[in-house]
Amino acid sequence: MFLLFVAAGVGLIFLSLFYWALKRGQFDNIEGPARRMILDDEDDD
């Protein structure tokens, strides 16, 4: 029974951290610098 409460507590912590990240705009620009780095078409000639 103890592990059930520990698992629920850890789940609530991660859920609250995810909600915090959503509110701070961490997922607003999905196609940001990481995608630009892969699709960089700059010629180095």
N, C-alpha and C. Protein backbone atom coordinates (compact mmCIF):
# COMPACT_ATOMS: atom_id res chain seq x y z
N MET A 1 0.82 -1.20 0.00
CA MET A 1 0.00 0.00 0.00
C MET A 1 0.87 1.26 0.00
N PHE A 2 2.00 1.16 0.67
CA PHE A 2 2.92 2.30 0.75
C PHE A 2 3.42 2.71 -0.64
N LEU A 3 3.75 1.70 -1.47
CA LEU A 3 4.26 1.99 -2.81
C LEU A 3 3.21 2.65 -3.70
N LEU A 4 1.97 2.36 -3.44
CA LEU A 4 0.90 2.99 -4.21
C LEU A 4 0.88 4.50 -3.96
N PHE A 5 1.04 4.90 -2.72
CA PHE A 5 1.08 6.33 -2.39
C PHE A 5 2.35 6.99 -2.92
N VAL A 6 3.45 6.28 -2.90
CA VAL A 6 4.71 6.82 -3.44
C VAL A 6 4.57 7.02 -4.95
N ALA A 7 4.01 6.05 -5.64
CA ALA A 7 3.83 6.15 -7.09
C ALA A 7 2.86 7.29 -7.44
N ALA A 8 1.79 7.44 -6.68
CA ALA A 8 0.85 8.53 -6.92
C ALA A 8 1.51 9.88 -6.65
N GLY A 9 2.32 9.96 -5.63
CA GLY A 9 3.03 11.21 -5.33
C GLY A 9 4.02 11.58 -6.41
N VAL A 10 4.78 10.62 -6.90
CA VAL A 10 5.74 10.87 -7.96
C VAL A 10 5.00 11.28 -9.24
N GLY A 11 3.88 10.62 -9.52
CA GLY A 11 3.08 10.98 -10.69
C GLY A 11 2.56 12.41 -10.59
N LEU A 12 2.12 12.81 -9.42
CA LEU A 12 1.62 14.18 -9.24
C LEU A 12 2.75 15.20 -9.39
N ILE A 13 3.92 14.84 -8.93
CA ILE A 13 5.07 15.75 -9.08
C ILE A 13 5.38 15.95 -10.56
N PHE A 14 5.45 14.87 -11.32
CA PHE A 14 5.76 15.00 -12.74
C PHE A 14 4.63 15.71 -13.49
N LEU A 15 3.40 15.47 -13.11
CA LEU A 15 2.28 16.15 -13.75
C LEU A 15 2.32 17.64 -13.46
N SER A 16 2.67 18.02 -12.25
CA SER A 16 2.75 19.43 -11.92
C SER A 16 3.94 20.09 -12.63
N LEU A 17 5.06 19.38 -12.79
CA LEU A 17 6.19 19.93 -13.54
C LEU A 17 5.84 20.11 -15.01
N PHE A 18 5.09 19.19 -15.58
CA PHE A 18 4.65 19.32 -16.96
C PHE A 18 3.72 20.50 -17.13
N TYR A 19 2.80 20.67 -16.20
CA TYR A 19 1.88 21.81 -16.23
C TYR A 19 2.65 23.13 -16.11
N TRP A 20 3.64 23.17 -15.24
CA TRP A 20 4.48 24.35 -15.06
C TRP A 20 5.22 24.68 -16.36
N ALA A 21 5.75 23.66 -17.03
CA ALA A 21 6.46 23.89 -18.29
C ALA A 21 5.51 24.38 -19.37
N LEU A 22 4.29 23.88 -19.39
CA LEU A 22 3.30 24.37 -20.36
C LEU A 22 2.99 25.84 -20.13
N LYS A 23 2.81 26.21 -18.88
CA LYS A 23 2.47 27.60 -18.56
C LYS A 23 3.62 28.55 -18.85
N ARG A 24 4.85 28.07 -18.77
CA ARG A 24 6.01 28.93 -19.03
C ARG A 24 6.36 29.01 -20.51
N GLY A 25 5.64 28.27 -21.37
CA GLY A 25 5.85 28.35 -22.81
C GLY A 25 6.99 27.51 -23.33
N GLN A 26 7.32 26.44 -22.64
CA GLN A 26 8.42 25.58 -23.08
C GLN A 26 8.12 24.84 -24.37
N PHE A 27 6.85 24.68 -24.70
CA PHE A 27 6.46 23.89 -25.87
C PHE A 27 5.83 24.76 -26.96
N ASP A 28 6.02 26.07 -26.90
CA ASP A 28 5.41 26.96 -27.88
C ASP A 28 6.07 26.88 -29.24
N ASN A 29 7.38 26.79 -29.28
CA ASN A 29 8.11 26.81 -30.55
C ASN A 29 8.72 25.43 -30.79
N ILE A 30 7.91 24.51 -31.27
CA ILE A 30 8.37 23.14 -31.47
C ILE A 30 9.39 23.08 -32.60
N GLU A 31 9.18 23.85 -33.65
CA GLU A 31 10.11 23.84 -34.79
C GLU A 31 11.10 24.98 -34.67
N GLY A 32 11.84 24.99 -33.60
CA GLY A 32 12.78 26.08 -33.32
C GLY A 32 14.19 25.77 -33.75
N PRO A 33 15.15 26.11 -32.92
CA PRO A 33 16.56 25.99 -33.27
C PRO A 33 17.01 24.57 -33.60
N ALA A 34 16.44 23.57 -32.96
CA ALA A 34 16.87 22.20 -33.24
C ALA A 34 16.55 21.80 -34.68
N ARG A 35 15.37 22.16 -35.13
CA ARG A 35 14.99 21.83 -36.51
C ARG A 35 15.77 22.68 -37.50
N ARG A 36 16.01 23.93 -37.17
CA ARG A 36 16.80 24.78 -38.06
C ARG A 36 18.22 24.27 -38.21
N MET A 37 18.76 23.68 -37.16
CA MET A 37 20.11 23.15 -37.23
C MET A 37 20.18 21.98 -38.22
N ILE A 38 19.15 21.16 -38.24
CA ILE A 38 19.13 20.02 -39.14
C ILE A 38 18.89 20.46 -40.57
N LEU A 39 18.03 21.42 -40.78
CA LEU A 39 17.64 21.85 -42.12
C LEU A 39 18.45 23.03 -42.62
N ASP A 40 19.62 23.29 -42.07
CA ASP A 40 20.43 24.42 -42.47
C ASP A 40 20.94 24.20 -43.89
N ASP A 41 20.57 25.09 -44.81
CA ASP A 41 20.93 24.95 -46.22
C ASP A 41 22.03 25.92 -46.61
N GLU A 42 22.77 26.42 -45.66
CA GLU A 42 23.82 27.39 -45.95
C GLU A 42 24.99 26.70 -46.65
N ASP A 43 25.42 27.27 -47.78
CA ASP A 43 26.55 26.73 -48.53
C ASP A 43 27.86 27.21 -47.92
N ASP A 44 28.80 26.31 -47.74
CA ASP A 44 30.10 26.66 -47.17
C ASP A 44 31.20 26.67 -48.24
N ASP A 45 30.84 26.92 -49.48
CA ASP A 45 31.84 26.91 -50.59
C ASP A 45 32.71 28.12 -50.57
